[in-house]
C-alpha atoms as a PDB file:
ATOM      1  CA  MET A   1     115.335 127.617 101.045  1.00  0.00           C
ATOM      2  CA  SER A   2     113.696 129.803 103.735  1.00  0.00           C
ATOM      3  CA  ILE A   3     115.017 130.933 107.136  1.00  0.00           C
ATOM      4  CA  GLY A   4     112.300 128.909 108.708  1.00  0.00           C
ATOM      5  CA  ASP A   5     113.430 125.738 106.947  1.00  0.00           C
ATOM      6  CA  ARG A   6     116.933 126.344 108.138  1.00  0.00           C
ATOM      7  CA  ILE A   7     115.776 126.899 111.716  1.00  0.00           C
ATOM      8  CA  PHE A   8     113.575 123.749 111.720  1.00  0.00           C
ATOM      9  CA  ALA A   9     116.437 121.555 110.350  1.00  0.00           C
ATOM     10  CA  ALA A  10     118.812 122.949 112.985  1.00  0.00           C
ATOM     11  CA  MET A  11     116.369 122.464 115.821  1.00  0.00           C
ATOM     12  CA  TYR A  12     114.770 119.144 114.763  1.00  0.00           C
ATOM     13  CA  ASP A  13     116.930 116.677 116.693  1.00  0.00           C
ATOM     14  CA  ARG A  14     116.730 118.765 119.847  1.00  0.00           C
ATOM     15  CA  MET A  15     112.922 119.136 119.559  1.00  0.00           C
ATOM     16  CA  MET A  16     112.539 115.341 119.227  1.00  0.00           C
ATOM     17  CA  LYS A  17     115.095 114.249 121.724  1.00  0.00           C
ATOM     18  CA  SER A  18     112.733 113.841 124.686  1.00  0.00           C
ATOM     19  CA  SER A  19     110.062 111.918 122.579  1.00  0.00           C
ATOM     20  CA  GLU A  20     112.817 109.708 121.134  1.00  0.00           C
ATOM     21  CA  GLU A  21     114.004 108.790 124.564  1.00  0.00           C
ATOM     22  CA  ALA A  22     110.495 108.320 125.852  1.00  0.00           C
ATOM     23  CA  GLY A  23     109.623 105.557 123.380  1.00  0.00           C
ATOM     24  CA  LEU A  24     109.646 106.890 119.919  1.00  0.00           C
ATOM     25  CA  GLY A  25     113.253 105.608 119.346  1.00  0.00           C
ATOM     26  CA  ALA A  26     112.148 102.116 120.567  1.00  0.00           C
ATOM     27  CA  ARG A  27     109.251 102.174 118.092  1.00  0.00           C
ATOM     28  CA  ARG A  28     111.639 102.994 115.322  1.00  0.00           C
ATOM     29  CA  GLU A  29     113.912 100.134 116.291  1.00  0.00           C
ATOM     30  CA  ALA A  30     111.144  97.510 116.583  1.00  0.00           C
ATOM     31  CA  LEU A  31     109.562  98.587 113.237  1.00  0.00           C
ATOM     32  CA  LEU A  32     112.858  98.701 111.234  1.00  0.00           C
ATOM     33  CA  ALA A  33     113.790  95.253 112.487  1.00  0.00           C
ATOM     34  CA  HIS A  34     111.503  94.059 109.682  1.00  0.00           C
ATOM     35  CA  ALA A  35     113.355  96.035 106.927  1.00  0.00           C
ATOM     36  CA  SER A  36     115.364  93.823 104.572  1.00  0.00           C
ATOM     37  CA  GLY A  37     116.487  93.657 100.965  1.00  0.00           C
ATOM     38  CA  ARG A  38     116.421  96.848  98.915  1.00  0.00           C
ATOM     39  CA  VAL A  39     114.981  99.545 101.143  1.00  0.00           C
ATOM     40  CA  LEU A  40     113.723 103.094 100.368  1.00  0.00           C
ATOM     41  CA  GLU A  41     113.103 105.640 103.082  1.00  0.00           C
ATOM     42  CA  ILE A  42     111.243 108.849 102.183  1.00  0.00           C
ATOM     43  CA  GLY A  43     111.695 112.070 103.957  1.00  0.00           C
ATOM     44  CA  ALA A  44     114.716 110.857 105.873  1.00  0.00           C
ATOM     45  CA  GLY A  45     115.236 114.167 107.538  1.00  0.00           C
ATOM     46  CA  THR A  46     118.344 114.276 109.670  1.00  0.00           C
ATOM     47  CA  GLY A  47     118.673 110.480 109.663  1.00  0.00           C
ATOM     48  CA  CYS A  48     116.807 109.383 112.839  1.00  0.00           C
ATOM     49  CA  ASN A  49     116.267 105.867 111.485  1.00  0.00           C
ATOM     50  CA  LEU A  50     119.847 105.182 110.445  1.00  0.00           C
ATOM     51  CA  ALA A  51     120.930 103.471 113.655  1.00  0.00           C
ATOM     52  CA  TYR A  52     118.023 100.979 113.502  1.00  0.00           C
ATOM     53  CA  TYR A  53     118.580  99.310 110.104  1.00  0.00           C
ATOM     54  CA  GLY A  54     119.939  95.785 110.564  1.00  0.00           C
ATOM     55  CA  ASP A  55     122.042  93.491 108.551  1.00  0.00           C
ATOM     56  CA  GLY A  56     119.144  92.232 106.421  1.00  0.00           C
ATOM     57  CA  VAL A  57     119.169  95.485 104.511  1.00  0.00           C
ATOM     58  CA  GLN A  58     121.067  94.879 101.278  1.00  0.00           C
ATOM     59  CA  SER A  59     120.896  98.503 100.063  1.00  0.00           C
ATOM     60  CA  LEU A  60     119.468 101.587 101.470  1.00  0.00           C
ATOM     61  CA  VAL A  61     118.239 104.699  99.516  1.00  0.00           C
ATOM     62  CA  LEU A  62     117.144 107.843 101.421  1.00  0.00           C
ATOM     63  CA  THR A  63     115.143 110.628  99.919  1.00  0.00           C
ATOM     64  CA  GLU A  64     114.968 114.126 101.368  1.00  0.00           C
ATOM     65  CA  PRO A  65     113.583 117.115  99.508  1.00  0.00           C
ATOM     66  CA  GLY A  66     114.573 119.853 101.879  1.00  0.00           C
ATOM     67  CA  GLU A  67     118.038 121.203 101.392  1.00  0.00           C
ATOM     68  CA  PRO A  68     118.725 122.157 105.005  1.00  0.00           C
ATOM     69  CA  MET A  69     117.806 118.651 106.163  1.00  0.00           C
ATOM     70  CA  ALA A  70     119.664 117.029 103.345  1.00  0.00           C
ATOM     71  CA  ARG A  71     122.925 118.788 104.274  1.00  0.00           C
ATOM     72  CA  ARG A  72     122.624 117.628 107.847  1.00  0.00           C
ATOM     73  CA  LEU A  73     121.879 114.130 106.632  1.00  0.00           C
ATOM     74  CA  GLU A  74     124.849 114.157 104.392  1.00  0.00           C
ATOM     75  CA  HIS A  75     127.045 115.030 107.378  1.00  0.00           C
ATOM     76  CA  ARG A  76     125.596 112.118 109.334  1.00  0.00           C
ATOM     77  CA  LEU A  77     126.132 109.687 106.525  1.00  0.00           C
ATOM     78  CA  GLU A  78     129.814 110.444 106.644  1.00  0.00           C
ATOM     79  CA  ALA A  79     129.929 108.218 109.758  1.00  0.00           C
ATOM     80  CA  GLU A  80     127.992 105.346 108.215  1.00  0.00           C
ATOM     81  CA  GLN A  81     129.786 102.071 107.642  1.00  0.00           C
ATOM     82  CA  ARG A  82     127.357 100.764 105.047  1.00  0.00           C
ATOM     83  CA  PRO A  83     126.861 102.547 101.737  1.00  0.00           C
ATOM     84  CA  VAL A  84     123.776 104.727 101.729  1.00  0.00           C
ATOM     85  CA  GLU A  85     122.482 106.661  98.748  1.00  0.00           C
ATOM     86  CA  LEU A  86     120.897 110.064  99.291  1.00  0.00           C
ATOM     87  CA  VAL A  87     118.567 111.421  96.683  1.00  0.00           C
ATOM     88  CA  ARG A  88     117.057 114.835  96.843  1.00  0.00           C
ATOM     89  CA  ALA A  89     113.504 114.227  95.792  1.00  0.00           C
ATOM     90  CA  PRO A  90     109.967 114.754  97.173  1.00  0.00           C
ATOM     91  CA  ALA A  91     107.833 111.768  98.014  1.00  0.00           C
ATOM     92  CA  GLU A  92     105.419 112.886  95.245  1.00  0.00           C
ATOM     93  CA  ARG A  93     107.985 112.457  92.514  1.00  0.00           C
ATOM     94  CA  LEU A  94     110.266 109.500  93.248  1.00  0.00           C
ATOM     95  CA  PRO A  95     112.883 109.052  90.633  1.00  0.00           C
ATOM     96  CA  PHE A  96     112.842 105.231  90.713  1.00  0.00           C
ATOM     97  CA  ALA A  97     111.545 102.476  88.476  1.00  0.00           C
ATOM     98  CA  ASP A  98     108.360 100.581  89.145  1.00  0.00           C
ATOM     99  CA  GLY A  99     108.849  97.789  91.624  1.00  0.00           C
ATOM    100  CA  GLU A 100     112.389  98.662  92.489  1.00  0.00           C
ATOM    101  CA  PHE A 101     112.214  98.149  96.276  1.00  0.00           C
ATOM    102  CA  ASP A 102     111.379  95.363  98.723  1.00  0.00           C
ATOM    103  CA  VAL A 103     110.536  97.792 101.613  1.00  0.00           C
ATOM    104  CA  ALA A 104     109.532 101.385 101.794  1.00  0.00           C
ATOM    105  CA  VAL A 105     109.706 103.366 105.075  1.00  0.00           C
ATOM    106  CA  SER A 106     107.828 106.433 106.127  1.00  0.00           C
ATOM    107  CA  THR A 107     108.222 107.734 109.670  1.00  0.00           C
ATOM    108  CA  LEU A 108     106.556 111.108 110.571  1.00  0.00           C
ATOM    109  CA  VAL A 109     106.593 112.057 106.925  1.00  0.00           C
ATOM    110  CA  LEU A 110     103.069 111.598 105.432  1.00  0.00           C
ATOM    111  CA  CYS A 111     101.836 114.328 107.743  1.00  0.00           C
ATOM    112  CA  GLY A 112     104.042 116.951 105.993  1.00  0.00           C
ATOM    113  CA  VAL A 113     103.977 116.061 102.318  1.00  0.00           C
ATOM    114  CA  ASP A 114     102.296 118.434  99.983  1.00  0.00           C
ATOM    115  CA  ASP A 115     100.157 115.744  98.380  1.00  0.00           C
ATOM    116  CA  GLN A 116      99.531 112.705 100.474  1.00  0.00           C
ATOM    117  CA  GLU A 117      97.505 110.771  97.939  1.00  0.00           C
ATOM    118  CA  ARG A 118     100.227 111.238  95.207  1.00  0.00           C
ATOM    119  CA  SER A 119     102.975 110.276  97.713  1.00  0.00           C
ATOM    120  CA  LEU A 120     101.269 107.023  98.666  1.00  0.00           C
ATOM    121  CA  ALA A 121     100.598 106.308  95.004  1.00  0.00           C
ATOM    122  CA  GLU A 122     104.355 106.703  94.346  1.00  0.00           C
ATOM    123  CA  LEU A 123     105.293 104.429  97.383  1.00  0.00           C
ATOM    124  CA  ARG A 124     102.935 101.879  95.969  1.00  0.00           C
ATOM    125  CA  ARG A 125     104.467 102.135  92.458  1.00  0.00           C
ATOM    126  CA  VAL A 126     108.065 101.653  93.549  1.00  0.00           C
ATOM    127  CA  LEU A 127     107.374  98.702  95.783  1.00  0.00           C
ATOM    128  CA  LYS A 128     107.787  95.193  94.383  1.00  0.00           C
ATOM    129  CA  PRO A 129     104.656  92.952  94.351  1.00  0.00           C
ATOM    130  CA  GLY A 130     104.501  91.644  97.849  1.00  0.00           C
ATOM    131  CA  GLY A 131     106.658  94.372  99.141  1.00  0.00           C
ATOM    132  CA  THR A 132     106.047  96.143 102.438  1.00  0.00           C
ATOM    133  CA  LEU A 133     105.473  99.710 103.613  1.00  0.00           C
ATOM    134  CA  LEU A 134     106.584 100.333 107.101  1.00  0.00           C
ATOM    135  CA  PHE A 135     105.215 103.380 108.757  1.00  0.00           C
ATOM    136  CA  ILE A 136     105.030 105.489 111.917  1.00  0.00           C
ATOM    137  CA  GLU A 137     102.749 108.420 111.661  1.00  0.00           C
ATOM    138  CA  HIS A 138     100.987 110.797 113.923  1.00  0.00           C
ATOM    139  CA  VAL A 139      97.252 111.020 112.830  1.00  0.00           C
ATOM    140  CA  ARG A 140      93.933 112.524 113.529  1.00  0.00           C
ATOM    141  CA  SER A 141      92.650 111.395 116.857  1.00  0.00           C
ATOM    142  CA  GLU A 142      89.737 108.974 117.135  1.00  0.00           C
ATOM    143  CA  ASP A 143      88.459 111.079 120.053  1.00  0.00           C
ATOM    144  CA  PRO A 144      86.226 113.885 118.713  1.00  0.00           C
ATOM    145  CA  GLY A 145      87.282 116.389 121.398  1.00  0.00           C
ATOM    146  CA  LEU A 146      91.024 115.885 120.583  1.00  0.00           C
ATOM    147  CA  ALA A 147      90.336 115.851 116.897  1.00  0.00           C
ATOM    148  CA  ARG A 148      88.720 119.327 117.174  1.00  0.00           C
ATOM    149  CA  LYS A 149      91.708 120.525 119.113  1.00  0.00           C
ATOM    150  CA  GLN A 150      94.007 119.231 116.336  1.00  0.00           C
ATOM    151  CA  ASP A 151      91.968 121.200 113.814  1.00  0.00           C
ATOM    152  CA  ARG A 152      92.353 124.387 115.936  1.00  0.00           C
ATOM    153  CA  PHE A 153      96.055 123.992 116.363  1.00  0.00           C
ATOM    154  CA  ASN A 154      96.885 122.611 112.952  1.00  0.00           C
ATOM    155  CA  GLY A 155      97.800 126.057 111.524  1.00  0.00           C
ATOM    156  CA  LEU A 156     100.319 126.742 114.255  1.00  0.00           C
ATOM    157  CA  ASN A 157     101.613 123.165 113.957  1.00  0.00           C
ATOM    158  CA  ARG A 158     102.292 123.540 110.295  1.00  0.00           C
ATOM    159  CA  LEU A 159     104.182 126.751 111.034  1.00  0.00           C
ATOM    160  CA  VAL A 160     106.307 125.297 113.851  1.00  0.00           C
ATOM    161  CA  ALA A 161     106.666 121.657 113.051  1.00  0.00           C
ATOM    162  CA  ARG A 162     106.147 121.733 109.202  1.00  0.00           C
ATOM    163  CA  CYS A 163     103.346 119.108 109.342  1.00  0.00           C
ATOM    164  CA  ASN A 164      99.553 118.581 109.640  1.00  0.00           C
ATOM    165  CA  CYS A 165      98.566 117.021 112.888  1.00  0.00           C
ATOM    166  CA  ASN A 166      94.987 116.206 111.829  1.00  0.00           C
ATOM    167  CA  ARG A 167      95.341 114.048 108.726  1.00  0.00           C
ATOM    168  CA  SER A 168      93.536 110.704 108.569  1.00  0.00           C
ATOM    169  CA  THR A 169      96.708 109.018 107.288  1.00  0.00           C
ATOM    170  CA  LEU A 170      95.664 105.468 108.046  1.00  0.00           C
ATOM    171  CA  ASP A 171      92.537 105.863 105.887  1.00  0.00           C
ATOM    172  CA  ALA A 172      94.647 107.357 103.155  1.00  0.00           C
ATOM    173  CA  ILE A 173      97.106 104.453 103.260  1.00  0.00           C
ATOM    174  CA  ARG A 174      94.163 102.019 102.737  1.00  0.00           C
ATOM    175  CA  GLY A 175      92.666 104.278 100.131  1.00  0.00           C
ATOM    176  CA  ALA A 176      95.949 104.247  98.130  1.00  0.00           C
ATOM    177  CA  GLY A 177      95.543 100.524  97.548  1.00  0.00           C
ATOM    178  CA  PHE A 178      97.467  99.137 100.518  1.00  0.00           C
ATOM    179  CA  THR A 179      96.305  96.385 102.864  1.00  0.00           C
ATOM    180  CA  VAL A 180      97.338  97.077 106.448  1.00  0.00           C
ATOM    181  CA  THR A 181      98.755  93.869 107.763  1.00  0.00           C
ATOM    182  CA  GLU A 182      99.997  95.024 111.124  1.00  0.00           C
ATOM    183  CA  LEU A 183      98.785  98.017 113.215  1.00  0.00           C
ATOM    184  CA  GLU A 184      99.354  99.431 116.703  1.00  0.00           C
ATOM    185  CA  ARG A 185      98.034 102.604 118.053  1.00  0.00           C
ATOM    186  CA  ASP A 186     100.191 104.589 120.540  1.00  0.00           C
ATOM    187  CA  GLU A 187     101.137 108.167 121.540  1.00  0.00           C
ATOM    188  CA  ILE A 188     104.224 110.319 121.020  1.00  0.00           C
ATOM    189  CA  GLN A 189     105.324 110.961 124.552  1.00  0.00           C
ATOM    190  CA  LYS A 190     106.695 114.273 125.664  1.00  0.00           C
ATOM    191  CA  ALA A 191     104.817 116.021 122.901  1.00  0.00           C
ATOM    192  CA  PRO A 192     101.708 118.374 122.865  1.00  0.00           C
ATOM    193  CA  SER A 193      98.454 116.464 123.200  1.00  0.00           C
ATOM    194  CA  PHE A 194      97.287 117.426 119.653  1.00  0.00           C
ATOM    195  CA  VAL A 195     100.237 115.616 117.980  1.00  0.00           C
ATOM    196  CA  ARG A 196     100.315 112.573 120.154  1.00  0.00           C
ATOM    197  CA  PRO A 197      97.961 110.118 118.411  1.00  0.00           C
ATOM    198  CA  LEU A 198     100.230 107.661 116.560  1.00  0.00           C
ATOM    199  CA  VAL A 199      99.818 104.694 114.264  1.00  0.00           C
ATOM    200  CA  VAL A 200     102.642 102.135 113.765  1.00  0.00           C
ATOM    201  CA  GLY A 201     102.415  99.352 111.375  1.00  0.00           C
ATOM    202  CA  ALA A 202     103.019  97.604 108.008  1.00  0.00           C
ATOM    203  CA  ALA A 203     101.054  97.456 104.810  1.00  0.00           C
ATOM    204  CA  THR A 204     101.394  95.650 101.437  1.00  0.00           C
ATOM    205  CA  PRO A 205     100.184  96.807  97.981  1.00  0.00           C
ATOM    206  CA  ALA A 206      96.716  95.191  97.475  1.00  0.00           C
END
């Protein structure tokens, strides 16, 4: 547990506040309205999605590998009315059985995992046949000029925000054996231009 990890966890909600209020929170709410049954959320962080899960969710399991984030999430869960299970585990090694979940959720997580391909393989593995992956991810821009800027600033972004701003995550989702069934492109408002490109959607194991 590094000092940087502690600082990042302590500052995360404040760093994201303006973007959440400028539309990211509404995006989370609209996406998670589709979550139902047994739901798994990877990289739950400080619990930004908790307020948006509806009554259709029968059980909710959150994973978070970072101890500073997990501690803050534990504190937030104390106020939750529904039972929520917190598991300290990385997305690359999910300690769940094959086909255990109806829905998996990843919001601003696949940019930061150590191994994106393995993480997506794990998400596919733990989803039931016909299950759904719901995602909000910032991605490599389709504009060549902005994509070059993302490449230039990615090292700084990894240091400050603990993520890669230039990953082609949508291609990775498809490459992992998912069929994208819903997709919208947007921007994260109130954020630096090189992290703004956003994809929001749903995918099913092919």
